[in-house]
Amino acid sequence: MMKHECLDNGLEISFSDQSNRYFGDYHRICVVATISYTLDLLADDELRLRATAAYGEQIKLEKRLERMGVPSAEVEQTRNALVDDFMRHASTYLSRPDYPRLLIAVELSKQRSGRFYA
């Protein structure tokens, strides 16, 4: 794990490196941001019950941050820049007190009904 952030609203964000060299001196920089939330912290009882039934004790979402064609000399700098840019742009809404509830509601609405139409 590269970095771990705990926000005041209960969200935790972990960054892990999944980069690789793909040709000569060129790398694919891939940082995975995992956003997790312990569902016991959710105040909305109905939403918490639905989310716990769907996800267990914790919901986890992943966001891939990628950059291609990075030379070896710039790997560390690029990796750190991806994390810093993500936090700079996303922290405004991720830190909102109501964001975990909104995130869970959206994720639950994405679940399929199990019916397939031809």
PDB file of N, CA and C in Angstrom:
ATOM      1  N   MET A   1       0.850  -1.176   0.000  1.00  0.00           N
ATOM      2  CA  MET A   1       0.000   0.000   0.000  1.00  0.00           C
ATOM      3  C   MET A   1       0.896   1.239   0.000  1.00  0.00           C
ATOM      4  N   MET A   2       0.554   2.171  -0.870  1.00  0.00           N
ATOM      5  CA  MET A   2       1.339   3.391  -1.004  1.00  0.00           C
ATOM      6  C   MET A   2       0.940   4.451   0.020  1.00  0.00           C
ATOM      7  N   LYS A   3      -0.370   4.619   0.175  1.00  0.00           N
ATOM      8  CA  LYS A   3      -0.876   5.704   1.015  1.00  0.00           C
ATOM      9  C   LYS A   3      -2.254   5.312   1.517  1.00  0.00           C
ATOM     10  N   HIS A   4      -2.610   5.809   2.700  1.00  0.00           N
ATOM     11  CA  HIS A   4      -3.917   5.524   3.287  1.00  0.00           C
ATOM     12  C   HIS A   4      -4.439   6.807   3.915  1.00  0.00           C
ATOM     13  N   GLU A   5      -5.672   7.156   3.572  1.00  0.00           N
ATOM     14  CA  GLU A   5      -6.316   8.366   4.111  1.00  0.00           C
ATOM     15  C   GLU A   5      -7.607   7.975   4.811  1.00  0.00           C
ATOM     16  N   CYS A   6      -7.851   8.520   5.988  1.00  0.00           N
ATOM     17  CA  CYS A   6      -9.117   8.353   6.704  1.00  0.00           C
ATOM     18  C   CYS A   6      -9.799   9.716   6.753  1.00  0.00           C
ATOM     19  N   LEU A   7     -11.005   9.788   6.201  1.00  0.00           N
ATOM     20  CA  LEU A   7     -11.742  11.045   6.180  1.00  0.00           C
ATOM     21  C   LEU A   7     -12.679  11.126   7.380  1.00  0.00           C
ATOM     22  N   ASP A   8     -13.055  12.333   7.753  1.00  0.00           N
ATOM     23  CA  ASP A   8     -13.909  12.559   8.918  1.00  0.00           C
ATOM     24  C   ASP A   8     -15.289  11.911   8.799  1.00  0.00           C
ATOM     25  N   ASN A   9     -15.772  11.690   7.573  1.00  0.00           N
ATOM     26  CA  ASN A   9     -17.096  11.095   7.378  1.00  0.00           C
ATOM     27  C   ASN A   9     -17.074   9.564   7.428  1.00  0.00           C
ATOM     28  N   GLY A  10     -15.910   8.963   7.692  1.00  0.00           N
ATOM     29  CA  GLY A  10     -15.815   7.516   7.815  1.00  0.00           C
ATOM     30  C   GLY A  10     -15.250   6.804   6.597  1.00  0.00           C
ATOM     31  N   LEU A  11     -15.149   7.503   5.475  1.00  0.00           N
ATOM     32  CA  LEU A  11     -14.551   6.889   4.287  1.00  0.00           C
ATOM     33  C   LEU A  11     -13.054   6.687   4.493  1.00  0.00           C
ATOM     34  N   GLU A  12     -12.559   5.580   3.977  1.00  0.00           N
ATOM     35  CA  GLU A  12     -11.125   5.317   3.973  1.00  0.00           C
ATOM     36  C   GLU A  12     -10.701   5.126   2.529  1.00  0.00           C
ATOM     37  N   ILE A  13      -9.574   5.731   2.171  1.00  0.00           N
ATOM     38  CA  ILE A  13      -9.058   5.622   0.813  1.00  0.00           C
ATOM     39  C   ILE A  13      -7.645   5.068   0.895  1.00  0.00           C
ATOM     40  N   SER A  14      -7.430   3.942   0.223  1.00  0.00           N
ATOM     41  CA  SER A  14      -6.112   3.311   0.169  1.00  0.00           C
ATOM     42  C   SER A  14      -5.630   3.330  -1.264  1.00  0.00           C
ATOM     43  N   PHE A  15      -4.358   3.595  -1.440  1.00  0.00           N
ATOM     44  CA  PHE A  15      -3.760   3.618  -2.767  1.00  0.00           C
ATOM     45  C   PHE A  15      -2.730   2.500  -2.858  1.00  0.00           C
ATOM     46  N   SER A  16      -2.848   1.680  -3.910  1.00  0.00           N
ATOM     47  CA  SER A  16      -1.872   0.613  -4.126  1.00  0.00           C
ATOM     48  C   SER A  16      -1.335   0.706  -5.550  1.00  0.00           C
ATOM     49  N   ASP A  17      -0.117   0.260  -5.722  1.00  0.00           N
ATOM     50  CA  ASP A  17       0.575   0.358  -6.997  1.00  0.00           C
ATOM     51  C   ASP A  17       0.450  -0.948  -7.771  1.00  0.00           C
ATOM     52  N   GLN A  18      -0.038  -0.877  -8.991  1.00  0.00           N
ATOM     53  CA  GLN A  18      -0.121  -2.045  -9.868  1.00  0.00           C
ATOM     54  C   GLN A  18       0.559  -1.743 -11.203  1.00  0.00           C
ATOM     55  N   SER A  19       1.603  -0.938 -11.142  1.00  0.00           N
ATOM     56  CA  SER A  19       2.331  -0.525 -12.339  1.00  0.00           C
ATOM     57  C   SER A  19       3.168  -1.669 -12.893  1.00  0.00           C
ATOM     58  N   ASN A  20       3.519  -1.544 -14.177  1.00  0.00           N
ATOM     59  CA  ASN A  20       4.425  -2.511 -14.787  1.00  0.00           C
ATOM     60  C   ASN A  20       5.186  -1.876 -15.952  1.00  0.00           C
ATOM     61  N   ARG A  21       6.322  -2.469 -16.257  1.00  0.00           N
ATOM     62  CA  ARG A  21       7.091  -2.038 -17.420  1.00  0.00           C
ATOM     63  C   ARG A  21       6.557  -2.837 -18.598  1.00  0.00           C
ATOM     64  N   TYR A  22       6.244  -2.166 -19.704  1.00  0.00           N
ATOM     65  CA  TYR A  22       5.654  -2.897 -20.818  1.00  0.00           C
ATOM     66  C   TYR A  22       6.506  -2.909 -22.070  1.00  0.00           C
ATOM     67  N   PHE A  23       7.467  -1.991 -22.198  1.00  0.00           N
ATOM     68  CA  PHE A  23       8.318  -2.016 -23.381  1.00  0.00           C
ATOM     69  C   PHE A  23       9.565  -1.194 -23.109  1.00  0.00           C
ATOM     70  N   GLY A  24      10.708  -1.836 -23.168  1.00  0.00           N
ATOM     71  CA  GLY A  24      11.966  -1.113 -22.977  1.00  0.00           C
ATOM     72  C   GLY A  24      11.970  -0.342 -21.672  1.00  0.00           C
ATOM     73  N   ASP A  25      12.135   0.944 -21.783  1.00  0.00           N
ATOM     74  CA  ASP A  25      12.195   1.812 -20.604  1.00  0.00           C
ATOM     75  C   ASP A  25      10.845   2.455 -20.297  1.00  0.00           C
ATOM     76  N   TYR A  26       9.777   1.961 -20.894  1.00  0.00           N
ATOM     77  CA  TYR A  26       8.465   2.585 -20.700  1.00  0.00           C
ATOM     78  C   TYR A  26       7.575   1.766 -19.772  1.00  0.00           C
ATOM     79  N   HIS A  27       6.875   2.483 -18.913  1.00  0.00           N
ATOM     80  CA  HIS A  27       6.043   1.864 -17.884  1.00  0.00           C
ATOM     81  C   HIS A  27       4.595   2.306 -18.029  1.00  0.00           C
ATOM     82  N   ARG A  28       3.716   1.432 -17.604  1.00  0.00           N
ATOM     83  CA  ARG A  28       2.302   1.769 -17.412  1.00  0.00           C
ATOM     84  C   ARG A  28       2.170   1.987 -15.916  1.00  0.00           C
ATOM     85  N   ILE A  29       1.916   3.207 -15.530  1.00  0.00           N
ATOM     86  CA  ILE A  29       1.723   3.514 -14.115  1.00  0.00           C
ATOM     87  C   ILE A  29       0.253   3.317 -13.811  1.00  0.00           C
ATOM     88  N   CYS A  30      -0.034   2.452 -12.858  1.00  0.00           N
ATOM     89  CA  CYS A  30      -1.412   2.167 -12.475  1.00  0.00           C
ATOM     90  C   CYS A  30      -1.504   2.190 -10.950  1.00  0.00           C
ATOM     91  N   VAL A  31      -2.227   3.162 -10.449  1.00  0.00           N
ATOM     92  CA  VAL A  31      -2.479   3.272  -9.019  1.00  0.00           C
ATOM     93  C   VAL A  31      -3.966   2.980  -8.814  1.00  0.00           C
ATOM     94  N   VAL A  32      -4.272   2.066  -7.910  1.00  0.00           N
ATOM     95  CA  VAL A  32      -5.665   1.727  -7.620  1.00  0.00           C
ATOM     96  C   VAL A  32      -6.062   2.410  -6.312  1.00  0.00           C
ATOM     97  N   ALA A  33      -7.078   3.259  -6.396  1.00  0.00           N
ATOM     98  CA  ALA A  33      -7.632   3.908  -5.207  1.00  0.00           C
ATOM     99  C   ALA A  33      -8.826   3.067  -4.761  1.00  0.00           C
ATOM    100  N   THR A  34      -8.740   2.498  -3.561  1.00  0.00           N
ATOM    101  CA  THR A  34      -9.836   1.715  -3.006  1.00  0.00           C
ATOM    102  C   THR A  34     -10.538   2.561  -1.953  1.00  0.00           C
ATOM    103  N   ILE A  35     -11.810   2.833  -2.197  1.00  0.00           N
ATOM    104  CA  ILE A  35     -12.619   3.624  -1.272  1.00  0.00           C
ATOM    105  C   ILE A  35     -13.488   2.643  -0.498  1.00  0.00           C
ATOM    106  N   SER A  36     -13.349   2.651   0.824  1.00  0.00           N
ATOM    107  CA  SER A  36     -14.124   1.714   1.639  1.00  0.00           C
ATOM    108  C   SER A  36     -14.863   2.463   2.741  1.00  0.00           C
ATOM    109  N   TYR A  37     -15.960   1.851   3.169  1.00  0.00           N
ATOM    110  CA  TYR A  37     -16.804   2.447   4.210  1.00  0.00           C
ATOM    111  C   TYR A  37     -17.429   1.324   5.019  1.00  0.00           C
ATOM    112  N   THR A  38     -17.277   1.387   6.329  1.00  0.00           N
ATOM    113  CA  THR A  38     -17.884   0.414   7.228  1.00  0.00           C
ATOM    114  C   THR A  38     -19.352   0.764   7.392  1.00  0.00           C
ATOM    115  N   LEU A  39     -20.216  -0.147   7.016  1.00  0.00           N
ATOM    116  CA  LEU A  39     -21.649   0.140   6.937  1.00  0.00           C
ATOM    117  C   LEU A  39     -22.301   0.373   8.299  1.00  0.00           C
ATOM    118  N   ASP A  40     -21.696  -0.085   9.378  1.00  0.00           N
ATOM    119  CA  ASP A  40     -22.241   0.182  10.717  1.00  0.00           C
ATOM    120  C   ASP A  40     -22.277   1.677  11.028  1.00  0.00           C
ATOM    121  N   LEU A  41     -21.473   2.471  10.335  1.00  0.00           N
ATOM    122  CA  LEU A  41     -21.427   3.911  10.575  1.00  0.00           C
ATOM    123  C   LEU A  41     -22.596   4.654   9.944  1.00  0.00           C
ATOM    124  N   LEU A  42     -23.329   3.989   9.061  1.00  0.00           N
ATOM    125  CA  LEU A  42     -24.425   4.620   8.337  1.00  0.00           C
ATOM    126  C   LEU A  42     -25.626   4.833   9.254  1.00  0.00           C
ATOM    127  N   ALA A  43     -26.092   6.080   9.343  1.00  0.00           N
ATOM    128  CA  ALA A  43     -27.199   6.415  10.245  1.00  0.00           C
ATOM    129  C   ALA A  43     -28.560   5.988   9.704  1.00  0.00           C
ATOM    130  N   ASP A  44     -28.711   5.930   8.399  1.00  0.00           N
ATOM    131  CA  ASP A  44     -29.978   5.563   7.757  1.00  0.00           C
ATOM    132  C   ASP A  44     -30.188   4.052   7.909  1.00  0.00           C
ATOM    133  N   ASP A  45     -31.099   3.657   8.815  1.00  0.00           N
ATOM    134  CA  ASP A  45     -31.305   2.235   9.127  1.00  0.00           C
ATOM    135  C   ASP A  45     -31.713   1.406   7.909  1.00  0.00           C
ATOM    136  N   GLU A  46     -32.668   1.901   7.131  1.00  0.00           N
ATOM    137  CA  GLU A  46     -33.153   1.141   5.974  1.00  0.00           C
ATOM    138  C   GLU A  46     -32.036   0.945   4.945  1.00  0.00           C
ATOM    139  N   LEU A  47     -31.330   2.012   4.655  1.00  0.00           N
ATOM    140  CA  LEU A  47     -30.239   1.936   3.689  1.00  0.00           C
ATOM    141  C   LEU A  47     -29.122   1.022   4.194  1.00  0.00           C
ATOM    142  N   ARG A  48     -28.824   1.104   5.486  1.00  0.00           N
ATOM    143  CA  ARG A  48     -27.786   0.257   6.077  1.00  0.00           C
ATOM    144  C   ARG A  48     -28.157  -1.223   5.953  1.00  0.00           C
ATOM    145  N   LEU A  49     -29.417  -1.567   6.216  1.00  0.00           N
ATOM    146  CA  LEU A  49     -29.854  -2.961   6.091  1.00  0.00           C
ATOM    147  C   LEU A  49     -29.750  -3.462   4.657  1.00  0.00           C
ATOM    148  N   ARG A  50     -30.170  -2.647   3.699  1.00  0.00           N
ATOM    149  CA  ARG A  50     -30.064  -3.038   2.287  1.00  0.00           C
ATOM    150  C   ARG A  50     -28.604  -3.184   1.868  1.00  0.00           C
ATOM    151  N   ALA A  51     -27.768  -2.244   2.293  1.00  0.00           N
ATOM    152  CA  ALA A  51     -26.353  -2.278   1.919  1.00  0.00           C
ATOM    153  C   ALA A  51     -25.639  -3.461   2.565  1.00  0.00           C
ATOM    154  N   THR A  52     -25.953  -3.746   3.809  1.00  0.00           N
ATOM    155  CA  THR A  52     -25.335  -4.881   4.500  1.00  0.00           C
ATOM    156  C   THR A  52     -25.735  -6.193   3.831  1.00  0.00           C
ATOM    157  N   ALA A  53     -26.981  -6.291   3.401  1.00  0.00           N
ATOM    158  CA  ALA A  53     -27.430  -7.497   2.696  1.00  0.00           C
ATOM    159  C   ALA A  53     -26.688  -7.662   1.375  1.00  0.00           C
ATOM    160  N   ALA A  54     -26.376  -6.555   0.717  1.00  0.00           N
ATOM    161  CA  ALA A  54     -25.717  -6.614  -0.589  1.00  0.00           C
ATOM    162  C   ALA A  54     -24.198  -6.730  -0.500  1.00  0.00           C
ATOM    163  N   TYR A  55     -23.579  -6.073   0.492  1.00  0.00           N
ATOM    164  CA  TYR A  55     -22.117  -5.956   0.519  1.00  0.00           C
ATOM    165  C   TYR A  55     -21.445  -6.546   1.753  1.00  0.00           C
ATOM    166  N   GLY A  56     -22.204  -6.942   2.754  1.00  0.00           N
ATOM    167  CA  GLY A  56     -21.585  -7.414   3.990  1.00  0.00           C
ATOM    168  C   GLY A  56     -21.332  -6.249   4.929  1.00  0.00           C
ATOM    169  N   GLU A  57     -20.272  -6.308   5.685  1.00  0.00           N
ATOM    170  CA  GLU A  57     -19.988  -5.280   6.697  1.00  0.00           C
ATOM    171  C   GLU A  57     -19.392  -4.001   6.122  1.00  0.00           C
ATOM    172  N   GLN A  58     -18.846  -4.092   4.903  1.00  0.00           N
ATOM    173  CA  GLN A  58     -18.130  -2.953   4.346  1.00  0.00           C
ATOM    174  C   GLN A  58     -18.324  -2.908   2.834  1.00  0.00           C
ATOM    175  N   ILE A  59     -18.467  -1.692   2.324  1.00  0.00           N
ATOM    176  CA  ILE A  59     -18.531  -1.513   0.879  1.00  0.00           C
ATOM    177  C   ILE A  59     -17.154  -1.047   0.413  1.00  0.00           C
ATOM    178  N   LYS A  60     -16.697  -1.588  -0.718  1.00  0.00           N
ATOM    179  CA  LYS A  60     -15.412  -1.201  -1.291  1.00  0.00           C
ATOM    180  C   LYS A  60     -15.594  -0.947  -2.779  1.00  0.00           C
ATOM    181  N   LEU A  61     -15.051   0.170  -3.221  1.00  0.00           N
ATOM    182  CA  LEU A  61     -15.082   0.541  -4.629  1.00  0.00           C
ATOM    183  C   LEU A  61     -13.662   0.855  -5.070  1.00  0.00           C
ATOM    184  N   GLU A  62     -13.355   0.530  -6.307  1.00  0.00           N
ATOM    185  CA  GLU A  62     -12.017   0.798  -6.825  1.00  0.00           C
ATOM    186  C   GLU A  62     -12.071   1.774  -7.991  1.00  0.00           C
ATOM    187  N   LYS A  63     -11.077   2.636  -8.026  1.00  0.00           N
ATOM    188  CA  LYS A  63     -10.890   3.581  -9.127  1.00  0.00           C
ATOM    189  C   LYS A  63      -9.448   3.432  -9.593  1.00  0.00           C
ATOM    190  N   ARG A  64      -9.262   3.160 -10.883  1.00  0.00           N
ATOM    191  CA  ARG A  64      -7.925   2.993 -11.454  1.00  0.00           C
ATOM    192  C   ARG A  64      -7.441   4.315 -12.011  1.00  0.00           C
ATOM    193  N   LEU A  65      -6.229   4.694 -11.626  1.00  0.00           N
ATOM    194  CA  LEU A  65      -5.595   5.904 -12.119  1.00  0.00           C
ATOM    195  C   LEU A  65      -4.401   5.444 -12.957  1.00  0.00           C
ATOM    196  N   GLU A  66      -4.390   5.753 -14.253  1.00  0.00           N
ATOM    197  CA  GLU A  66      -3.350   5.211 -15.126  1.00  0.00           C
ATOM    198  C   GLU A  66      -2.688   6.279 -15.979  1.00  0.00           C
ATOM    199  N   ARG A  67      -1.435   6.011 -16.280  1.00  0.00           N
ATOM    200  CA  ARG A  67      -0.663   6.832 -17.215  1.00  0.00           C
ATOM    201  C   ARG A  67       0.268   5.904 -17.968  1.00  0.00           C
ATOM    202  N   MET A  68       0.281   6.012 -19.278  1.00  0.00           N
ATOM    203  CA  MET A  68       1.104   5.150 -20.132  1.00  0.00           C
ATOM    204  C   MET A  68       2.364   5.889 -20.588  1.00  0.00           C
ATOM    205  N   GLY A  69       3.380   5.102 -20.980  1.00  0.00           N
ATOM    206  CA  GLY A  69       4.583   5.648 -21.601  1.00  0.00           C
ATOM    207  C   GLY A  69       5.459   6.457 -20.673  1.00  0.00           C
ATOM    208  N   VAL A  70       5.557   6.044 -19.421  1.00  0.00           N
ATOM    209  CA  VAL A  70       6.350   6.788 -18.448  1.00  0.00           C
ATOM    210  C   VAL A  70       7.758   6.187 -18.391  1.00  0.00           C
ATOM    211  N   PRO A  71       8.797   6.990 -18.629  1.00  0.00           N
ATOM    212  CA  PRO A  71      10.165   6.471 -18.538  1.00  0.00           C
ATOM    213  C   PRO A  71      10.537   6.154 -17.084  1.00  0.00           C
ATOM    214  N   SER A  72      11.486   5.237 -16.900  1.00  0.00           N
ATOM    215  CA  SER A  72      11.892   4.785 -15.557  1.00  0.00           C
ATOM    216  C   SER A  72      12.224   5.935 -14.620  1.00  0.00           C
ATOM    217  N   ALA A  73      12.876   6.958 -15.123  1.00  0.00           N
ATOM    218  CA  ALA A  73      13.300   8.083 -14.280  1.00  0.00           C
ATOM    219  C   ALA A  73      12.124   8.873 -13.718  1.00  0.00           C
ATOM    220  N   GLU A  74      10.927   8.709 -14.292  1.00  0.00           N
ATOM    221  CA  GLU A  74       9.763   9.500 -13.869  1.00  0.00           C
ATOM    222  C   GLU A  74       8.679   8.664 -13.186  1.00  0.00           C
ATOM    223  N   VAL A  75       8.951   7.383 -12.939  1.00  0.00           N
ATOM    224  CA  VAL A  75       7.929   6.484 -12.384  1.00  0.00           C
ATOM    225  C   VAL A  75       7.430   6.970 -11.026  1.00  0.00           C
ATOM    226  N   GLU A  76       8.320   7.187 -10.093  1.00  0.00           N
ATOM    227  CA  GLU A  76       7.923   7.580  -8.727  1.00  0.00           C
ATOM    228  C   GLU A  76       7.195   8.918  -8.725  1.00  0.00           C
ATOM    229  N   GLN A  77       7.715   9.860  -9.459  1.00  0.00           N
ATOM    230  CA  GLN A  77       7.101  11.194  -9.542  1.00  0.00           C
ATOM    231  C   GLN A  77       5.691  11.106 -10.140  1.00  0.00           C
ATOM    232  N   THR A  78       5.526  10.324 -11.192  1.00  0.00           N
ATOM    233  CA  THR A  78       4.224  10.175 -11.842  1.00  0.00           C
ATOM    234  C   THR A  78       3.231   9.477 -10.921  1.00  0.00           C
ATOM    235  N   ARG A  79       3.698   8.441 -10.244  1.00  0.00           N
ATOM    236  CA  ARG A  79       2.848   7.698  -9.298  1.00  0.00           C
ATOM    237  C   ARG A  79       2.321   8.647  -8.217  1.00  0.00           C
ATOM    238  N   ASN A  80       3.207   9.426  -7.634  1.00  0.00           N
ATOM    239  CA  ASN A  80       2.805  10.372  -6.588  1.00  0.00           C
ATOM    240  C   ASN A  80       1.871  11.450  -7.123  1.00  0.00           C
ATOM    241  N   ALA A  81       2.113  11.895  -8.362  1.00  0.00           N
ATOM    242  CA  ALA A  81       1.265  12.921  -8.969  1.00  0.00           C
ATOM    243  C   ALA A  81      -0.153  12.395  -9.180  1.00  0.00           C
ATOM    244  N   LEU A  82      -0.299  11.125  -9.573  1.00  0.00           N
ATOM    245  CA  LEU A  82      -1.635  10.550  -9.754  1.00  0.00           C
ATOM    246  C   LEU A  82      -2.415  10.552  -8.440  1.00  0.00           C
ATOM    247  N   VAL A  83      -1.752  10.171  -7.354  1.00  0.00           N
ATOM    248  CA  VAL A  83      -2.406  10.151  -6.037  1.00  0.00           C
ATOM    249  C   VAL A  83      -2.761  11.578  -5.606  1.00  0.00           C
ATOM    250  N   ASP A  84      -1.808  12.483  -5.730  1.00  0.00           N
ATOM    251  CA  ASP A  84      -2.046  13.872  -5.312  1.00  0.00           C
ATOM    252  C   ASP A  84      -3.157  14.523  -6.126  1.00  0.00           C
ATOM    253  N   ASP A  85      -3.175  14.288  -7.432  1.00  0.00           N
ATOM    254  CA  ASP A  85      -4.232  14.858  -8.282  1.00  0.00           C
ATOM    255  C   ASP A  85      -5.597  14.299  -7.905  1.00  0.00           C
ATOM    256  N   PHE A  86      -5.664  12.990  -7.658  1.00  0.00           N
ATOM    257  CA  PHE A  86      -6.930  12.386  -7.254  1.00  0.00           C
ATOM    258  C   PHE A  86      -7.440  13.028  -5.968  1.00  0.00           C
ATOM    259  N   MET A  87      -6.584  13.131  -4.964  1.00  0.00           N
ATOM    260  CA  MET A  87      -7.010  13.705  -3.679  1.00  0.00           C
ATOM    261  C   MET A  87      -7.375  15.182  -3.824  1.00  0.00           C
ATOM    262  N   ARG A  88      -6.635  15.906  -4.622  1.00  0.00           N
ATOM    263  CA  ARG A  88      -6.917  17.334  -4.802  1.00  0.00           C
ATOM    264  C   ARG A  88      -8.286  17.533  -5.465  1.00  0.00           C
ATOM    265  N   HIS A  89      -8.621  16.713  -6.451  1.00  0.00           N
ATOM    266  CA  HIS A  89      -9.872  16.898  -7.178  1.00  0.00           C
ATOM    267  C   HIS A  89     -11.067  16.202  -6.534  1.00  0.00           C
ATOM    268  N   ALA A  90     -10.839  15.094  -5.864  1.00  0.00           N
ATOM    269  CA  ALA A  90     -11.952  14.315  -5.323  1.00  0.00           C
ATOM    270  C   ALA A  90     -12.254  14.606  -3.853  1.00  0.00           C
ATOM    271  N   SER A  91     -11.293  15.132  -3.124  1.00  0.00           N
ATOM    272  CA  SER A  91     -11.493  15.281  -1.675  1.00  0.00           C
ATOM    273  C   SER A  91     -12.638  16.224  -1.325  1.00  0.00           C
ATOM    274  N   THR A  92     -12.940  17.183  -2.180  1.00  0.00           N
ATOM    275  CA  THR A  92     -14.025  18.120  -1.902  1.00  0.00           C
ATOM    276  C   THR A  92     -15.345  17.388  -1.729  1.00  0.00           C
ATOM    277  N   TYR A  93     -15.669  16.487  -2.642  1.00  0.00           N
ATOM    278  CA  TYR A  93     -16.937  15.772  -2.523  1.00  0.00           C
ATOM    279  C   TYR A  93     -16.824  14.516  -1.674  1.00  0.00           C
ATOM    280  N   LEU A  94     -15.672  13.846  -1.680  1.00  0.00           N
ATOM    281  CA  LEU A  94     -15.511  12.651  -0.845  1.00  0.00           C
ATOM    282  C   LEU A  94     -15.609  12.976   0.644  1.00  0.00           C
ATOM    283  N   SER A  95     -15.224  14.178   1.024  1.00  0.00           N
ATOM    284  CA  SER A  95     -15.210  14.588   2.435  1.00  0.00           C
ATOM    285  C   SER A  95     -16.556  15.077   2.950  1.00  0.00           C
ATOM    286  N   ARG A  96     -17.503  15.274   2.060  1.00  0.00           N
ATOM    287  CA  ARG A  96     -18.808  15.772   2.500  1.00  0.00           C
ATOM    288  C   ARG A  96     -19.446  14.789   3.481  1.00  0.00           C
ATOM    289  N   PRO A  97     -20.102  15.285   4.535  1.00  0.00           N
ATOM    290  CA  PRO A  97     -20.717  14.396   5.522  1.00  0.00           C
ATOM    291  C   PRO A  97     -21.766  13.454   4.929  1.00  0.00           C
ATOM    292  N   ASP A  98     -22.480  13.886   3.887  1.00  0.00           N
ATOM    293  CA  ASP A  98     -23.538  13.056   3.305  1.00  0.00           C
ATOM    294  C   ASP A  98     -23.039  12.153   2.176  1.00  0.00           C
ATOM    295  N   TYR A  99     -21.767  12.239   1.815  1.00  0.00           N
ATOM    296  CA  TYR A  99     -21.266  11.470   0.678  1.00  0.00           C
ATOM    297  C   TYR A  99     -21.369   9.953   0.857  1.00  0.00           C
ATOM    298  N   PRO A 100     -21.022   9.371   2.013  1.00  0.00           N
ATOM    299  CA  PRO A 100     -21.159   7.912   2.131  1.00  0.00           C
ATOM    300  C   PRO A 100     -22.592   7.426   1.860  1.00  0.00           C
ATOM    301  N   ARG A 101     -23.588   8.141   2.375  1.00  0.00           N
ATOM    302  CA  ARG A 101     -24.983   7.756   2.147  1.00  0.00           C
ATOM    303  C   ARG A 101     -25.331   7.841   0.665  1.00  0.00           C
ATOM    304  N   LEU A 102     -24.911   8.914   0.003  1.00  0.00           N
ATOM    305  CA  LEU A 102     -25.185   9.077  -1.425  1.00  0.00           C
ATOM    306  C   LEU A 102     -24.475   8.002  -2.251  1.00  0.00           C
ATOM    307  N   LEU A 103     -23.248   7.714  -1.910  1.00  0.00           N
ATOM    308  CA  LEU A 103     -22.463   6.693  -2.607  1.00  0.00           C
ATOM    309  C   LEU A 103     -23.134   5.326  -2.511  1.00  0.00           C
ATOM    310  N   ILE A 104     -23.561   4.965  -1.325  1.00  0.00           N
ATOM    311  CA  ILE A 104     -24.196   3.664  -1.107  1.00  0.00           C
ATOM    312  C   ILE A 104     -25.525   3.589  -1.853  1.00  0.00           C
ATOM    313  N   ALA A 105     -26.302   4.658  -1.809  1.00  0.00           N
ATOM    314  CA  ALA A 105     -27.590   4.675  -2.526  1.00  0.00           C
ATOM    315  C   ALA A 105     -27.376   4.488  -4.026  1.00  0.00           C
ATOM    316  N   VAL A 106     -26.367   5.148  -4.586  1.00  0.00           N
ATOM    317  CA  VAL A 106     -26.084   5.017  -6.015  1.00  0.00           C
ATOM    318  C   VAL A 106     -25.630   3.595  -6.333  1.00  0.00           C
ATOM    319  N   GLU A 107     -24.750   3.033  -5.527  1.00  0.00           N
ATOM    320  CA  GLU A 107     -24.255   1.677  -5.778  1.00  0.00           C
ATOM    321  C   GLU A 107     -25.383   0.652  -5.688  1.00  0.00           C
ATOM    322  N   LEU A 108     -26.276   0.812  -4.727  1.00  0.00           N
ATOM    323  CA  LEU A 108     -27.409  -0.103  -4.615  1.00  0.00           C
ATOM    324  C   LEU A 108     -28.339   0.009  -5.821  1.00  0.00           C
ATOM    325  N   SER A 109     -28.492   1.207  -6.354  1.00  0.00           N
ATOM    326  CA  SER A 109     -29.361   1.386  -7.513  1.00  0.00           C
ATOM    327  C   SER A 109     -28.757   0.780  -8.777  1.00  0.00           C
ATOM    328  N   LYS A 110     -27.457   0.554  -8.793  1.00  0.00           N
ATOM    329  CA  LYS A 110     -26.785  -0.060  -9.946  1.00  0.00           C
ATOM    330  C   LYS A 110     -26.983  -1.566  -9.995  1.00  0.00           C
ATOM    331  N   GLN A 111     -27.358  -2.169  -8.884  1.00  0.00           N
ATOM    332  CA  GLN A 111     -27.517  -3.619  -8.851  1.00  0.00           C
ATOM    333  C   GLN A 111     -28.602  -4.049  -9.813  1.00  0.00           C
ATOM    334  N   ARG A 112     -28.359  -5.131 -10.487  1.00  0.00           N
ATOM    335  CA  ARG A 112     -29.327  -5.651 -11.450  1.00  0.00           C
ATOM    336  C   ARG A 112     -30.426  -6.423 -10.743  1.00  0.00           C
ATOM    337  N   SER A 113     -31.556  -6.459 -11.383  1.00  0.00           N
ATOM    338  CA  SER A 113     -32.695  -7.155 -10.800  1.00  0.00           C
ATOM    339  C   SER A 113     -32.577  -8.675 -10.951  1.00  0.00           C
ATOM    340  N   GLY A 114     -31.648  -9.123 -11.785  1.00  0.00           N
ATOM    341  CA  GLY A 114     -31.502 -10.565 -11.989  1.00  0.00           C
ATOM    342  C   GLY A 114     -32.276 -11.060 -13.194  1.00  0.00           C
ATOM    343  N   ARG A 115     -33.092 -10.186 -13.773  1.00  0.00           N
ATOM    344  CA  ARG A 115     -33.872 -10.561 -14.966  1.00  0.00           C
ATOM    345  C   ARG A 115     -33.101 -10.139 -16.209  1.00  0.00           C
ATOM    346  N   PHE A 116     -33.096 -10.987 -17.186  1.00  0.00           N
ATOM    347  CA  PHE A 116     -32.410 -10.681 -18.432  1.00  0.00           C
ATOM    348  C   PHE A 116     -33.447 -10.654 -19.548  1.00  0.00           C
ATOM    349  N   TYR A 117     -33.339  -9.669 -20.391  1.00  0.00           N
ATOM    350  CA  TYR A 117     -34.272  -9.528 -21.498  1.00  0.00           C
ATOM    351  C   TYR A 117     -33.536  -9.800 -22.797  1.00  0.00           C
ATOM    352  N   ALA A 118     -34.167 -10.515 -23.697  1.00  0.00           N
ATOM    353  CA  ALA A 118     -33.539 -10.839 -24.988  1.00  0.00           C
ATOM    354  C   ALA A 118     -34.020  -9.903 -26.063  1.00  0.00           C
TER     355      ALA A 118
END
